[in-house]
Amino acid sequence: MPKATVTCSRGSDEKQLIFSADKVVRNIFIDLPGLKISDNYFDIVPGFPVTVQILEDKNTFDTVKSNAKFISVREATTQGEKLNISFV
């Protein structure tokens, strides 16, 4: 099965992440110690962007872009594959 192309863009401010994908992506988890966000196990369906809000002061769009790891159901069950996120 081909991997999804996932993008993350900055929302209306530094505390908002907007995710979209060209294929369904199930149960995305953002791994960044200390990160508190509005939803940390979410699905993306093509054509329906998902907005995630950062709920604390320490992290921003740029710290997530630079330091976070992203895992989905597919990557958790398939050794050696990683979920690649393109930041725009």
C-alpha atoms as a PDB file:
ATOM      1  CA  MET A   1       0.000   0.000   0.000  1.00  0.00           C
ATOM      2  CA  PRO A   2       1.466   3.424  -0.929  1.00  0.00           C
ATOM      3  CA  LYS A   3       2.354   5.717   1.942  1.00  0.00           C
ATOM      4  CA  ALA A   4       0.354   8.865   2.540  1.00  0.00           C
ATOM      5  CA  THR A   5       1.746  12.314   1.882  1.00  0.00           C
ATOM      6  CA  VAL A   6       1.059  14.341   5.022  1.00  0.00           C
ATOM      7  CA  THR A   7       1.535  18.102   5.309  1.00  0.00           C
ATOM      8  CA  CYS A   8       1.490  20.372   8.323  1.00  0.00           C
ATOM      9  CA  SER A   9       1.029  24.102   8.010  1.00  0.00           C
ATOM     10  CA  ARG A  10       0.967  26.913  10.525  1.00  0.00           C
ATOM     11  CA  GLY A  11      -2.512  28.056  11.448  1.00  0.00           C
ATOM     12  CA  SER A  12      -3.584  31.560  12.396  1.00  0.00           C
ATOM     13  CA  ASP A  13      -0.781  31.747  14.986  1.00  0.00           C
ATOM     14  CA  GLU A  14       2.331  29.914  16.247  1.00  0.00           C
ATOM     15  CA  LYS A  15       0.183  27.639  18.422  1.00  0.00           C
ATOM     16  CA  GLN A  16      -1.939  26.116  15.675  1.00  0.00           C
ATOM     17  CA  LEU A  17      -0.983  23.139  13.489  1.00  0.00           C
ATOM     18  CA  ILE A  18      -3.095  22.195  10.453  1.00  0.00           C
ATOM     19  CA  PHE A  19      -2.614  18.672   9.059  1.00  0.00           C
ATOM     20  CA  SER A  20      -3.812  17.334   5.707  1.00  0.00           C
ATOM     21  CA  ALA A  21      -3.092  14.169   3.704  1.00  0.00           C
ATOM     22  CA  ASP A  22      -3.715  12.617   0.313  1.00  0.00           C
ATOM     23  CA  LYS A  23      -4.748   9.267   1.877  1.00  0.00           C
ATOM     24  CA  VAL A  24      -6.410   8.275   5.141  1.00  0.00           C
ATOM     25  CA  VAL A  25      -3.932   8.297   8.044  1.00  0.00           C
ATOM     26  CA  ARG A  26      -5.072   6.671  11.291  1.00  0.00           C
ATOM     27  CA  ASN A  27      -4.192   7.587  14.874  1.00  0.00           C
ATOM     28  CA  ILE A  28      -1.375  10.082  14.439  1.00  0.00           C
ATOM     29  CA  PHE A  29       0.637  10.574  17.611  1.00  0.00           C
ATOM     30  CA  ILE A  30       2.986  13.551  18.025  1.00  0.00           C
ATOM     31  CA  ASP A  31       5.934  12.579  20.210  1.00  0.00           C
ATOM     32  CA  LEU A  32       7.601  15.586  21.853  1.00  0.00           C
ATOM     33  CA  PRO A  33       8.309  15.517  25.608  1.00  0.00           C
ATOM     34  CA  GLY A  34       6.262  18.111  27.474  1.00  0.00           C
ATOM     35  CA  LEU A  35       4.028  18.918  24.495  1.00  0.00           C
ATOM     36  CA  LYS A  36       0.407  19.533  25.481  1.00  0.00           C
ATOM     37  CA  ILE A  37      -2.004  19.691  22.567  1.00  0.00           C
ATOM     38  CA  SER A  38      -5.742  19.565  21.991  1.00  0.00           C
ATOM     39  CA  ASP A  39      -5.665  16.123  20.298  1.00  0.00           C
ATOM     40  CA  ASN A  40      -2.801  13.643  20.189  1.00  0.00           C
ATOM     41  CA  TYR A  41      -4.403  10.622  18.522  1.00  0.00           C
ATOM     42  CA  PHE A  42      -6.187  11.905  15.443  1.00  0.00           C
ATOM     43  CA  ASP A  43      -7.132  10.663  11.985  1.00  0.00           C
ATOM     44  CA  ILE A  44      -6.745  12.574   8.735  1.00  0.00           C
ATOM     45  CA  VAL A  45      -9.177  12.040   5.874  1.00  0.00           C
ATOM     46  CA  PRO A  46      -8.346  13.579   2.475  1.00  0.00           C
ATOM     47  CA  GLY A  47     -10.201  16.860   1.987  1.00  0.00           C
ATOM     48  CA  PHE A  48     -10.796  17.345   5.733  1.00  0.00           C
ATOM     49  CA  PRO A  49      -7.840  19.137   7.369  1.00  0.00           C
ATOM     50  CA  VAL A  50      -7.308  18.569  11.101  1.00  0.00           C
ATOM     51  CA  THR A  51      -6.438  21.518  13.350  1.00  0.00           C
ATOM     52  CA  VAL A  52      -4.447  20.838  16.516  1.00  0.00           C
ATOM     53  CA  GLN A  53      -3.899  23.567  19.098  1.00  0.00           C
ATOM     54  CA  ILE A  54      -0.745  23.756  21.242  1.00  0.00           C
ATOM     55  CA  LEU A  55      -1.979  24.348  24.796  1.00  0.00           C
ATOM     56  CA  GLU A  56       1.182  25.506  26.560  1.00  0.00           C
ATOM     57  CA  ASP A  57       3.716  28.314  26.193  1.00  0.00           C
ATOM     58  CA  LYS A  58       6.968  26.373  25.753  1.00  0.00           C
ATOM     59  CA  ASN A  59       6.301  24.916  22.288  1.00  0.00           C
ATOM     60  CA  THR A  60       5.320  26.502  18.982  1.00  0.00           C
ATOM     61  CA  PHE A  61       4.906  25.437  15.361  1.00  0.00           C
ATOM     62  CA  ASP A  62       8.671  25.797  14.906  1.00  0.00           C
ATOM     63  CA  THR A  63       9.613  23.597  17.889  1.00  0.00           C
ATOM     64  CA  VAL A  64       7.203  20.892  16.718  1.00  0.00           C
ATOM     65  CA  LYS A  65       8.644  21.153  13.193  1.00  0.00           C
ATOM     66  CA  SER A  66      12.214  20.852  14.463  1.00  0.00           C
ATOM     67  CA  ASN A  67      11.887  18.327  17.290  1.00  0.00           C
ATOM     68  CA  ALA A  68       8.744  16.199  17.138  1.00  0.00           C
ATOM     69  CA  LYS A  69       8.459  12.626  15.904  1.00  0.00           C
ATOM     70  CA  PHE A  70       5.238  11.475  14.264  1.00  0.00           C
ATOM     71  CA  ILE A  71       3.816   7.960  14.482  1.00  0.00           C
ATOM     72  CA  SER A  72       0.632   6.483  13.033  1.00  0.00           C
ATOM     73  CA  VAL A  73      -0.950   3.029  13.187  1.00  0.00           C
ATOM     74  CA  ARG A  74       0.783   2.011   9.956  1.00  0.00           C
ATOM     75  CA  GLU A  75       4.241   2.982  11.178  1.00  0.00           C
ATOM     76  CA  ALA A  76       3.676   1.422  14.594  1.00  0.00           C
ATOM     77  CA  THR A  77       2.879  -1.933  12.974  1.00  0.00           C
ATOM     78  CA  THR A  78       5.422  -1.851  10.121  1.00  0.00           C
ATOM     79  CA  GLN A  79       9.053  -2.063  11.158  1.00  0.00           C
ATOM     80  CA  GLY A  80      11.397   0.479   9.659  1.00  0.00           C
ATOM     81  CA  GLU A  81       8.759   2.768   8.182  1.00  0.00           C
ATOM     82  CA  LYS A  82       8.328   6.329   9.388  1.00  0.00           C
ATOM     83  CA  LEU A  83       5.512   8.793   8.903  1.00  0.00           C
ATOM     84  CA  ASN A  84       6.983  11.675   6.946  1.00  0.00           C
ATOM     85  CA  ILE A  85       5.472  15.090   7.514  1.00  0.00           C
ATOM     86  CA  SER A  86       6.147  17.960   5.122  1.00  0.00           C
ATOM     87  CA  PHE A  87       5.983  21.351   6.800  1.00  0.00           C
ATOM     88  CA  VAL A  88       4.766  24.250   4.707  1.00  0.00           C
END
